[in-house]
Amino acid sequence: MLARRTLGRIAAQPQVLGAAPSGARNMATLREIELRLKSVRNIEKITKSMKMIASTKLAKAQRAMQAGKQYGIANSEVFEHSPAEHSGKRKLFLVISSDKGLCGGIHSSVSKATRRAIADKDVPVEADSPIMVVGDKAKAQLSRALGKNLVLTFNQIGRDIPTFADAAGVADLIMKSGVQYDGITIVYNQFVSAISYESATMEVATEASLKESSGFKAYEMEEDVTKDLAEFSLANAIYATLTESHACEQSARRNAMDNASKNATDMISKLQMQYNRGRQAAITNELVDIITGASAL
């Protein structure tokens, strides 16, 4: 008798442990879809707000970029008729990025360009060439592949529109770092349009290369003049690339948030359709149960 009762209890249990009745399972699924819909709607609100903020900042960044480009143009005109002599294989790579994310692949663009420049066999560059990074995002990427080459990093630059004081501070720290190099290459993102950008490089003359230049040898200058000119030209180049990279970052963030908002809208429509179908199925099952019970009575 006891064995029959035990077998009856086992038979009465669900086939799968922890399984709920079909009606309860449908309601749980509807509850999960409802919670997911709520979270996706909140994400859509955030991405739309970030898109509006990035659009506002992009207009300011473009105006600052136009002003920064004037520094770069003036800097190139100084050395147009008396180019510096770039000698030596040991180059200093200055990578321009930022501390913020959610802007697509803008940081990986300069990281990949730096790795290609060092690994390029057509251009004579030493494998242990020093690397300095502006921004924590590119620093994290390059530390995995070229961690031994990193000698100096800068952060908290570019949180707002970069200024010439920021560029001058970076140039001053580079000159005082004591790192040995034969040339300076700045790797940055070049602004193509409001929806596109590409990685680019800019060569900057050093103090030693200016002294070896035939155009500068024609004039008698003191030691401090050449050093100050090299530091000032480096600050000009850094400022021009900082402002252009900042404009690229705001453009990429706006495009990324726009794509994220569109994806969230598509996901909301799919989840809403799935929720409606599940709700209709649950109502239909309840009606079938009611009709079946009424027929039995």
C-alpha atoms as a PDB file:
ATOM      1  CA  MET A   1       0.000   0.000   0.000  1.00  0.00           C
ATOM      2  CA  LEU A   2       2.842   2.324   0.901  1.00  0.00           C
ATOM      3  CA  ALA A   3       4.617   1.486  -2.341  1.00  0.00           C
ATOM      4  CA  ARG A   4       1.491   2.353  -4.373  1.00  0.00           C
ATOM      5  CA  ARG A   5       1.189   5.744  -2.675  1.00  0.00           C
ATOM      6  CA  THR A   6       4.857   6.487  -3.356  1.00  0.00           C
ATOM      7  CA  LEU A   7       4.517   5.532  -7.017  1.00  0.00           C
ATOM      8  CA  GLY A   8       1.429   7.710  -7.294  1.00  0.00           C
ATOM      9  CA  ARG A   9       3.247  10.720  -5.917  1.00  0.00           C
ATOM     10  CA  ILE A  10       6.166  10.208  -8.315  1.00  0.00           C
ATOM     11  CA  ALA A  11       3.781   9.919 -11.272  1.00  0.00           C
ATOM     12  CA  ALA A  12       1.984  13.092 -10.220  1.00  0.00           C
ATOM     13  CA  GLN A  13       5.241  15.118 -10.321  1.00  0.00           C
ATOM     14  CA  PRO A  14       6.241  16.996 -13.535  1.00  0.00           C
ATOM     15  CA  GLN A  15       8.526  15.168 -15.947  1.00  0.00           C
ATOM     16  CA  VAL A  16      11.198  17.855 -15.618  1.00  0.00           C
ATOM     17  CA  LEU A  17      12.221  18.963 -12.174  1.00  0.00           C
ATOM     18  CA  GLY A  18      11.406  22.621 -11.568  1.00  0.00           C
ATOM     19  CA  ALA A  19       9.058  22.779 -14.561  1.00  0.00           C
ATOM     20  CA  ALA A  20       5.998  24.983 -14.137  1.00  0.00           C
ATOM     21  CA  PRO A  21       2.555  24.497 -15.669  1.00  0.00           C
ATOM     22  CA  SER A  22       2.122  25.714 -19.229  1.00  0.00           C
ATOM     23  CA  GLY A  23       0.034  28.722 -18.259  1.00  0.00           C
ATOM     24  CA  ALA A  24       2.504  29.857 -15.603  1.00  0.00           C
ATOM     25  CA  ARG A  25       5.383  29.349 -18.013  1.00  0.00           C
ATOM     26  CA  ASN A  26       3.720  31.601 -20.599  1.00  0.00           C
ATOM     27  CA  MET A  27       3.115  34.312 -18.027  1.00  0.00           C
ATOM     28  CA  ALA A  28       6.749  34.144 -16.896  1.00  0.00           C
ATOM     29  CA  THR A  29       7.881  34.537 -20.498  1.00  0.00           C
ATOM     30  CA  LEU A  30       5.599  37.539 -20.966  1.00  0.00           C
ATOM     31  CA  ARG A  31       7.001  39.070 -17.791  1.00  0.00           C
ATOM     32  CA  GLU A  32      10.559  38.624 -19.056  1.00  0.00           C
ATOM     33  CA  ILE A  33       9.683  40.206 -22.399  1.00  0.00           C
ATOM     34  CA  GLU A  34       8.008  43.117 -20.619  1.00  0.00           C
ATOM     35  CA  LEU A  35      11.104  43.736 -18.472  1.00  0.00           C
ATOM     36  CA  ARG A  36      13.349  43.543 -21.507  1.00  0.00           C
ATOM     37  CA  LEU A  37      11.128  45.999 -23.377  1.00  0.00           C
ATOM     38  CA  LYS A  38      11.410  48.429 -20.494  1.00  0.00           C
ATOM     39  CA  SER A  39      15.205  48.173 -20.389  1.00  0.00           C
ATOM     40  CA  VAL A  40      15.557  48.591 -24.176  1.00  0.00           C
ATOM     41  CA  ARG A  41      13.310  51.679 -24.074  1.00  0.00           C
ATOM     42  CA  ASN A  42      15.520  53.170 -21.361  1.00  0.00           C
ATOM     43  CA  ILE A  43      18.613  52.437 -23.450  1.00  0.00           C
ATOM     44  CA  GLU A  44      16.967  54.131 -26.442  1.00  0.00           C
ATOM     45  CA  LYS A  45      16.339  57.268 -24.382  1.00  0.00           C
ATOM     46  CA  ILE A  46      19.996  57.328 -23.279  1.00  0.00           C
ATOM     47  CA  THR A  47      21.395  56.842 -26.787  1.00  0.00           C
ATOM     48  CA  LYS A  48      19.123  59.529 -28.232  1.00  0.00           C
ATOM     49  CA  SER A  49      20.208  61.965 -25.524  1.00  0.00           C
ATOM     50  CA  MET A  50      23.876  61.169 -26.160  1.00  0.00           C
ATOM     51  CA  LYS A  51      23.338  61.660 -29.878  1.00  0.00           C
ATOM     52  CA  MET A  52      21.872  65.141 -29.287  1.00  0.00           C
ATOM     53  CA  ILE A  53      24.753  66.068 -26.966  1.00  0.00           C
ATOM     54  CA  ALA A  54      27.344  64.799 -29.469  1.00  0.00           C
ATOM     55  CA  SER A  55      25.655  66.765 -32.280  1.00  0.00           C
ATOM     56  CA  THR A  56      25.892  69.944 -30.219  1.00  0.00           C
ATOM     57  CA  LYS A  57      29.534  69.292 -29.332  1.00  0.00           C
ATOM     58  CA  LEU A  58      30.387  68.441 -32.947  1.00  0.00           C
ATOM     59  CA  ALA A  59      29.554  71.945 -34.136  1.00  0.00           C
ATOM     60  CA  LYS A  60      31.854  73.454 -31.494  1.00  0.00           C
ATOM     61  CA  ALA A  61      34.564  70.892 -32.236  1.00  0.00           C
ATOM     62  CA  GLN A  62      34.491  71.710 -35.953  1.00  0.00           C
ATOM     63  CA  ARG A  63      34.958  75.413 -35.241  1.00  0.00           C
ATOM     64  CA  ALA A  64      37.880  74.612 -32.953  1.00  0.00           C
ATOM     65  CA  MET A  65      39.304  72.291 -35.615  1.00  0.00           C
ATOM     66  CA  GLN A  66      39.308  75.076 -38.203  1.00  0.00           C
ATOM     67  CA  ALA A  67      41.223  77.296 -35.787  1.00  0.00           C
ATOM     68  CA  GLY A  68      43.636  74.471 -34.944  1.00  0.00           C
ATOM     69  CA  LYS A  69      44.326  73.772 -38.604  1.00  0.00           C
ATOM     70  CA  GLN A  70      45.667  77.296 -38.986  1.00  0.00           C
ATOM     71  CA  TYR A  71      48.409  76.395 -36.508  1.00  0.00           C
ATOM     72  CA  GLY A  72      49.265  73.321 -38.566  1.00  0.00           C
ATOM     73  CA  ILE A  73      49.308  75.283 -41.834  1.00  0.00           C
ATOM     74  CA  ALA A  74      51.553  77.974 -40.365  1.00  0.00           C
ATOM     75  CA  ASN A  75      53.795  75.285 -38.930  1.00  0.00           C
ATOM     76  CA  SER A  76      54.244  73.598 -42.320  1.00  0.00           C
ATOM     77  CA  GLU A  77      54.906  76.914 -44.077  1.00  0.00           C
ATOM     78  CA  VAL A  78      57.855  77.603 -41.777  1.00  0.00           C
ATOM     79  CA  PHE A  79      59.644  74.464 -42.974  1.00  0.00           C
ATOM     80  CA  GLU A  80      58.387  74.528 -46.559  1.00  0.00           C
ATOM     81  CA  HIS A  81      61.508  76.155 -48.068  1.00  0.00           C
ATOM     82  CA  SER A  82      63.968  74.800 -45.526  1.00  0.00           C
ATOM     83  CA  PRO A  83      62.901  71.230 -44.744  1.00  0.00           C
ATOM     84  CA  ALA A  84      64.444  69.469 -41.785  1.00  0.00           C
ATOM     85  CA  GLU A  85      66.788  66.554 -42.335  1.00  0.00           C
ATOM     86  CA  HIS A  86      65.190  63.385 -40.925  1.00  0.00           C
ATOM     87  CA  SER A  87      67.962  60.949 -40.176  1.00  0.00           C
ATOM     88  CA  GLY A  88      67.929  57.839 -38.032  1.00  0.00           C
ATOM     89  CA  LYS A  89      65.548  54.953 -37.570  1.00  0.00           C
ATOM     90  CA  ARG A  90      64.489  55.569 -33.996  1.00  0.00           C
ATOM     91  CA  LYS A  91      61.222  57.459 -34.145  1.00  0.00           C
ATOM     92  CA  LEU A  92      58.965  58.668 -31.380  1.00  0.00           C
ATOM     93  CA  PHE A  93      55.313  57.860 -32.072  1.00  0.00           C
ATOM     94  CA  LEU A  94      52.812  60.172 -30.402  1.00  0.00           C
ATOM     95  CA  VAL A  95      49.343  58.575 -30.580  1.00  0.00           C
ATOM     96  CA  ILE A  96      46.348  60.911 -30.203  1.00  0.00           C
ATOM     97  CA  SER A  97      43.180  59.429 -28.663  1.00  0.00           C
ATOM     98  CA  SER A  98      40.963  60.216 -25.655  1.00  0.00           C
ATOM     99  CA  ASP A  99      39.730  58.807 -22.339  1.00  0.00           C
ATOM    100  CA  LYS A 100      36.107  58.289 -23.403  1.00  0.00           C
ATOM    101  CA  GLY A 101      34.499  55.422 -25.258  1.00  0.00           C
ATOM    102  CA  LEU A 102      31.160  54.789 -27.014  1.00  0.00           C
ATOM    103  CA  CYS A 103      32.514  56.297 -30.234  1.00  0.00           C
ATOM    104  CA  GLY A 104      32.953  53.336 -32.557  1.00  0.00           C
ATOM    105  CA  GLY A 105      36.404  52.228 -33.698  1.00  0.00           C
ATOM    106  CA  ILE A 106      38.077  55.622 -33.543  1.00  0.00           C
ATOM    107  CA  HIS A 107      40.594  54.518 -30.901  1.00  0.00           C
ATOM    108  CA  SER A 108      41.429  51.218 -32.568  1.00  0.00           C
ATOM    109  CA  SER A 109      42.042  53.147 -35.811  1.00  0.00           C
ATOM    110  CA  VAL A 110      45.100  54.976 -34.445  1.00  0.00           C
ATOM    111  CA  SER A 111      46.266  51.872 -32.553  1.00  0.00           C
ATOM    112  CA  LYS A 112      46.259  49.796 -35.725  1.00  0.00           C
ATOM    113  CA  ALA A 113      48.002  52.577 -37.653  1.00  0.00           C
ATOM    114  CA  THR A 114      50.767  52.685 -35.023  1.00  0.00           C
ATOM    115  CA  ARG A 115      51.265  48.925 -35.126  1.00  0.00           C
ATOM    116  CA  ARG A 116      51.407  48.997 -38.930  1.00  0.00           C
ATOM    117  CA  ALA A 117      53.949  51.831 -38.923  1.00  0.00           C
ATOM    118  CA  ILE A 118      56.281  49.940 -36.584  1.00  0.00           C
ATOM    119  CA  ALA A 119      55.844  46.615 -38.373  1.00  0.00           C
ATOM    120  CA  ASP A 120      56.222  48.124 -41.866  1.00  0.00           C
ATOM    121  CA  LYS A 121      59.400  46.733 -43.405  1.00  0.00           C
ATOM    122  CA  ASP A 122      59.467  49.278 -46.241  1.00  0.00           C
ATOM    123  CA  VAL A 123      60.027  52.142 -43.787  1.00  0.00           C
ATOM    124  CA  PRO A 124      63.198  51.822 -41.670  1.00  0.00           C
ATOM    125  CA  VAL A 125      61.857  52.058 -38.108  1.00  0.00           C
ATOM    126  CA  GLU A 126      63.341  50.339 -35.087  1.00  0.00           C
ATOM    127  CA  ALA A 127      61.112  47.755 -33.451  1.00  0.00           C
ATOM    128  CA  ASP A 128      61.704  49.251 -29.997  1.00  0.00           C
ATOM    129  CA  SER A 129      60.814  52.812 -31.029  1.00  0.00           C
ATOM    130  CA  PRO A 130      59.261  54.705 -28.091  1.00  0.00           C
ATOM    131  CA  ILE A 131      55.517  55.352 -28.013  1.00  0.00           C
ATOM    132  CA  MET A 132      53.684  58.093 -26.128  1.00  0.00           C
ATOM    133  CA  VAL A 133      49.905  58.028 -25.935  1.00  0.00           C
ATOM    134  CA  VAL A 134      47.370  60.776 -25.287  1.00  0.00           C
ATOM    135  CA  GLY A 135      44.258  59.104 -23.845  1.00  0.00           C
ATOM    136  CA  ASP A 136      43.561  55.962 -21.850  1.00  0.00           C
ATOM    137  CA  LYS A 137      41.683  54.096 -24.602  1.00  0.00           C
ATOM    138  CA  ALA A 138      44.597  53.780 -27.047  1.00  0.00           C
ATOM    139  CA  LYS A 139      46.918  53.174 -24.087  1.00  0.00           C
ATOM    140  CA  ALA A 140      44.924  50.073 -23.095  1.00  0.00           C
ATOM    141  CA  GLN A 141      44.999  48.774 -26.672  1.00  0.00           C
ATOM    142  CA  LEU A 142      48.698  49.398 -27.332  1.00  0.00           C
ATOM    143  CA  SER A 143      49.794  48.079 -23.928  1.00  0.00           C
ATOM    144  CA  ARG A 144      48.695  44.592 -24.989  1.00  0.00           C
ATOM    145  CA  ALA A 145      50.644  44.544 -28.278  1.00  0.00           C
ATOM    146  CA  LEU A 146      53.469  47.062 -27.703  1.00  0.00           C
ATOM    147  CA  GLY A 147      53.644  47.344 -23.934  1.00  0.00           C
ATOM    148  CA  LYS A 148      57.454  47.492 -23.899  1.00  0.00           C
ATOM    149  CA  ASN A 149      57.466  50.506 -26.220  1.00  0.00           C
ATOM    150  CA  LEU A 150      55.213  52.689 -24.046  1.00  0.00           C
ATOM    151  CA  VAL A 151      57.290  55.282 -22.238  1.00  0.00           C
ATOM    152  CA  LEU A 152      54.808  58.051 -21.373  1.00  0.00           C
ATOM    153  CA  THR A 153      51.024  58.473 -21.351  1.00  0.00           C
ATOM    154  CA  PHE A 154      48.743  61.477 -20.917  1.00  0.00           C
ATOM    155  CA  ASN A 155      45.121  61.554 -19.756  1.00  0.00           C
ATOM    156  CA  GLN A 156      42.454  64.113 -18.875  1.00  0.00           C
ATOM    157  CA  ILE A 157      43.211  65.842 -22.204  1.00  0.00           C
ATOM    158  CA  GLY A 158      40.370  66.340 -24.622  1.00  0.00           C
ATOM    159  CA  ARG A 159      37.527  65.991 -22.110  1.00  0.00           C
ATOM    160  CA  ASP A 160      36.435  69.321 -23.514  1.00  0.00           C
ATOM    161  CA  ILE A 161      37.678  71.172 -26.591  1.00  0.00           C
ATOM    162  CA  PRO A 162      41.516  71.003 -26.539  1.00  0.00           C
ATOM    163  CA  THR A 163      43.395  74.245 -26.046  1.00  0.00           C
ATOM    164  CA  PHE A 164      46.877  75.328 -27.036  1.00  0.00           C
ATOM    165  CA  ALA A 165      47.831  75.209 -23.347  1.00  0.00           C
ATOM    166  CA  ASP A 166      47.099  71.460 -23.354  1.00  0.00           C
ATOM    167  CA  ALA A 167      49.272  70.966 -26.430  1.00  0.00           C
ATOM    168  CA  ALA A 168      52.069  73.102 -24.978  1.00  0.00           C
ATOM    169  CA  GLY A 169      51.982  71.060 -21.762  1.00  0.00           C
ATOM    170  CA  VAL A 170      52.272  67.798 -23.709  1.00  0.00           C
ATOM    171  CA  ALA A 171      55.139  69.177 -25.812  1.00  0.00           C
ATOM    172  CA  ASP A 172      56.963  70.388 -22.697  1.00  0.00           C
ATOM    173  CA  LEU A 173      56.705  66.973 -21.029  1.00  0.00           C
ATOM    174  CA  ILE A 174      57.953  65.276 -24.202  1.00  0.00           C
ATOM    175  CA  MET A 175      60.989  67.560 -24.385  1.00  0.00           C
ATOM    176  CA  LYS A 176      61.767  66.989 -20.696  1.00  0.00           C
ATOM    177  CA  SER A 177      61.157  63.227 -20.736  1.00  0.00           C
ATOM    178  CA  GLY A 178      64.736  62.402 -21.694  1.00  0.00           C
ATOM    179  CA  VAL A 179      63.624  59.831 -24.298  1.00  0.00           C
ATOM    180  CA  GLN A 180      66.092  59.411 -27.149  1.00  0.00           C
ATOM    181  CA  TYR A 181      64.638  59.622 -30.664  1.00  0.00           C
ATOM    182  CA  ASP A 182      65.627  60.761 -34.145  1.00  0.00           C
ATOM    183  CA  GLY A 183      62.225  61.938 -35.325  1.00  0.00           C
ATOM    184  CA  ILE A 184      58.654  62.472 -34.148  1.00  0.00           C
ATOM    185  CA  THR A 185      55.586  60.994 -35.852  1.00  0.00           C
ATOM    186  CA  ILE A 186      52.135  61.992 -34.641  1.00  0.00           C
ATOM    187  CA  VAL A 187      49.421  59.396 -35.322  1.00  0.00           C
ATOM    188  CA  TYR A 188      45.917  60.879 -35.260  1.00  0.00           C
ATOM    189  CA  ASN A 189      42.482  60.682 -36.878  1.00  0.00           C
ATOM    190  CA  GLN A 190      42.000  62.965 -39.860  1.00  0.00           C
ATOM    191  CA  PHE A 191      38.561  64.534 -40.284  1.00  0.00           C
ATOM    192  CA  VAL A 192      37.171  63.688 -43.739  1.00  0.00           C
ATOM    193  CA  SER A 193      33.486  64.530 -43.293  1.00  0.00           C
ATOM    194  CA  ALA A 194      30.805  64.450 -40.631  1.00  0.00           C
ATOM    195  CA  ILE A 195      30.362  60.709 -41.166  1.00  0.00           C
ATOM    196  CA  SER A 196      33.881  59.507 -41.967  1.00  0.00           C
ATOM    197  CA  TYR A 197      37.457  59.764 -40.750  1.00  0.00           C
ATOM    198  CA  GLU A 198      40.764  58.033 -41.404  1.00  0.00           C
ATOM    199  CA  SER A 199      44.023  57.556 -39.582  1.00  0.00           C
ATOM    200  CA  ALA A 200      46.914  59.788 -40.654  1.00  0.00           C
ATOM    201  CA  THR A 201      50.448  60.677 -39.605  1.00  0.00           C
ATOM    202  CA  MET A 202      52.308  63.963 -39.283  1.00  0.00           C
ATOM    203  CA  GLU A 203      56.090  64.316 -39.172  1.00  0.00           C
ATOM    204  CA  VAL A 204      57.528  66.922 -36.802  1.00  0.00           C
ATOM    205  CA  ALA A 205      61.089  68.235 -36.947  1.00  0.00           C
ATOM    206  CA  THR A 206      63.340  67.736 -33.943  1.00  0.00           C
ATOM    207  CA  GLU A 207      66.057  70.013 -32.623  1.00  0.00           C
ATOM    208  CA  ALA A 208      68.840  67.828 -34.055  1.00  0.00           C
ATOM    209  CA  SER A 209      67.240  67.659 -37.501  1.00  0.00           C
ATOM    210  CA  LEU A 210      66.804  71.435 -37.573  1.00  0.00           C
ATOM    211  CA  LYS A 211      70.493  71.955 -36.820  1.00  0.00           C
ATOM    212  CA  GLU A 212      71.443  69.634 -39.700  1.00  0.00           C
ATOM    213  CA  SER A 213      69.100  71.371 -42.152  1.00  0.00           C
ATOM    214  CA  SER A 214      70.870  73.316 -44.874  1.00  0.00           C
ATOM    215  CA  GLY A 215      68.288  76.103 -44.729  1.00  0.00           C
ATOM    216  CA  PHE A 216      68.837  76.722 -41.020  1.00  0.00           C
ATOM    217  CA  LYS A 217      72.612  76.436 -41.303  1.00  0.00           C
ATOM    218  CA  ALA A 218      72.616  79.573 -43.450  1.00  0.00           C
ATOM    219  CA  TYR A 219      71.691  81.631 -40.392  1.00  0.00           C
ATOM    220  CA  GLU A 220      73.625  82.057 -37.199  1.00  0.00           C
ATOM    221  CA  MET A 221      71.330  81.152 -34.335  1.00  0.00           C
ATOM    222  CA  GLU A 222      71.903  80.433 -30.698  1.00  0.00           C
ATOM    223  CA  GLU A 223      71.313  77.033 -29.160  1.00  0.00           C
ATOM    224  CA  ASP A 224      68.165  78.086 -27.331  1.00  0.00           C
ATOM    225  CA  VAL A 225      66.577  79.469 -30.500  1.00  0.00           C
ATOM    226  CA  THR A 226      66.643  76.119 -32.281  1.00  0.00           C
ATOM    227  CA  LYS A 227      65.408  74.308 -29.185  1.00  0.00           C
ATOM    228  CA  ASP A 228      62.550  76.760 -28.665  1.00  0.00           C
ATOM    229  CA  LEU A 229      61.596  76.584 -32.338  1.00  0.00           C
ATOM    230  CA  ALA A 230      61.493  72.774 -32.230  1.00  0.00           C
ATOM    231  CA  GLU A 231      59.317  72.791 -29.096  1.00  0.00           C
ATOM    232  CA  PHE A 232      56.996  75.450 -30.509  1.00  0.00           C
ATOM    233  CA  SER A 233      56.569  73.583 -33.796  1.00  0.00           C
ATOM    234  CA  LEU A 234      55.818  70.395 -31.830  1.00  0.00           C
ATOM    235  CA  ALA A 235      53.181  72.230 -29.763  1.00  0.00           C
ATOM    236  CA  ASN A 236      51.609  73.620 -32.950  1.00  0.00           C
ATOM    237  CA  ALA A 237      51.428  70.165 -34.526  1.00  0.00           C
ATOM    238  CA  ILE A 238      49.994  68.608 -31.361  1.00  0.00           C
ATOM    239  CA  TYR A 239      47.339  71.309 -31.087  1.00  0.00           C
ATOM    240  CA  ALA A 240      46.292  70.866 -34.716  1.00  0.00           C
ATOM    241  CA  THR A 241      46.029  67.081 -34.362  1.00  0.00           C
ATOM    242  CA  LEU A 242      44.270  67.287 -30.974  1.00  0.00           C
ATOM    243  CA  THR A 243      41.500  69.508 -32.310  1.00  0.00           C
ATOM    244  CA  GLU A 244      41.056  67.385 -35.434  1.00  0.00           C
ATOM    245  CA  SER A 245      40.969  64.141 -33.437  1.00  0.00           C
ATOM    246  CA  HIS A 246      38.443  65.687 -31.044  1.00  0.00           C
ATOM    247  CA  ALA A 247      36.157  66.584 -33.958  1.00  0.00           C
ATOM    248  CA  CYS A 248      36.487  63.026 -35.299  1.00  0.00           C
ATOM    249  CA  GLU A 249      35.611  61.636 -31.866  1.00  0.00           C
ATOM    250  CA  GLN A 250      32.423  63.704 -31.576  1.00  0.00           C
ATOM    251  CA  SER A 251      31.418  62.769 -35.123  1.00  0.00           C
ATOM    252  CA  ALA A 252      32.023  59.068 -34.464  1.00  0.00           C
ATOM    253  CA  ARG A 253      30.118  59.217 -31.161  1.00  0.00           C
ATOM    254  CA  ARG A 254      27.135  60.867 -32.831  1.00  0.00           C
ATOM    255  CA  ASN A 255      27.082  58.226 -35.570  1.00  0.00           C
ATOM    256  CA  ALA A 256      27.491  55.399 -33.026  1.00  0.00           C
ATOM    257  CA  MET A 257      24.640  56.704 -30.875  1.00  0.00           C
ATOM    258  CA  ASP A 258      22.477  57.165 -33.979  1.00  0.00           C
ATOM    259  CA  ASN A 259      23.055  53.541 -34.997  1.00  0.00           C
ATOM    260  CA  ALA A 260      22.432  52.373 -31.434  1.00  0.00           C
ATOM    261  CA  SER A 261      19.128  54.281 -31.320  1.00  0.00           C
ATOM    262  CA  LYS A 262      18.023  52.709 -34.611  1.00  0.00           C
ATOM    263  CA  ASN A 263      18.955  49.235 -33.377  1.00  0.00           C
ATOM    264  CA  ALA A 264      17.041  49.855 -30.135  1.00  0.00           C
ATOM    265  CA  THR A 265      13.968  50.960 -32.119  1.00  0.00           C
ATOM    266  CA  ASP A 266      14.097  47.793 -34.240  1.00  0.00           C
ATOM    267  CA  MET A 267      14.538  45.654 -31.138  1.00  0.00           C
ATOM    268  CA  ILE A 268      11.573  47.345 -29.437  1.00  0.00           C
ATOM    269  CA  SER A 269       9.310  46.637 -32.420  1.00  0.00           C
ATOM    270  CA  LYS A 270      10.360  42.967 -32.479  1.00  0.00           C
ATOM    271  CA  LEU A 271       9.918  42.535 -28.729  1.00  0.00           C
ATOM    272  CA  GLN A 272       6.540  44.303 -28.855  1.00  0.00           C
ATOM    273  CA  MET A 273       5.359  41.927 -31.571  1.00  0.00           C
ATOM    274  CA  GLN A 274       6.655  38.948 -29.600  1.00  0.00           C
ATOM    275  CA  TYR A 275       4.918  40.239 -26.475  1.00  0.00           C
ATOM    276  CA  ASN A 276       1.608  40.723 -28.302  1.00  0.00           C
ATOM    277  CA  ARG A 277       1.756  37.235 -29.776  1.00  0.00           C
ATOM    278  CA  GLY A 278       2.519  35.693 -26.385  1.00  0.00           C
ATOM    279  CA  ARG A 279      -0.283  37.669 -24.746  1.00  0.00           C
ATOM    280  CA  GLN A 280      -2.760  36.593 -27.440  1.00  0.00           C
ATOM    281  CA  ALA A 281      -1.658  32.987 -27.008  1.00  0.00           C
ATOM    282  CA  ALA A 282      -2.126  33.190 -23.235  1.00  0.00           C
ATOM    283  CA  ILE A 283      -5.604  34.702 -23.629  1.00  0.00           C
ATOM    284  CA  THR A 284      -6.524  32.037 -26.187  1.00  0.00           C
ATOM    285  CA  ASN A 285      -5.415  29.255 -23.820  1.00  0.00           C
ATOM    286  CA  GLU A 286      -7.474  30.736 -20.999  1.00  0.00           C
ATOM    287  CA  LEU A 287     -10.534  30.967 -23.251  1.00  0.00           C
ATOM    288  CA  VAL A 288     -10.071  27.347 -24.319  1.00  0.00           C
ATOM    289  CA  ASP A 289      -9.888  26.285 -20.667  1.00  0.00           C
ATOM    290  CA  ILE A 290     -13.061  28.250 -19.843  1.00  0.00           C
ATOM    291  CA  ILE A 291     -14.986  26.848 -22.817  1.00  0.00           C
ATOM    292  CA  THR A 292     -13.789  23.314 -22.050  1.00  0.00           C
ATOM    293  CA  GLY A 293     -14.862  23.658 -18.428  1.00  0.00           C
ATOM    294  CA  ALA A 294     -18.272  25.078 -19.410  1.00  0.00           C
ATOM    295  CA  SER A 295     -18.786  22.219 -21.881  1.00  0.00           C
ATOM    296  CA  ALA A 296     -17.930  19.678 -19.185  1.00  0.00           C
ATOM    297  CA  LEU A 297     -20.533  21.210 -16.841  1.00  0.00           C
END
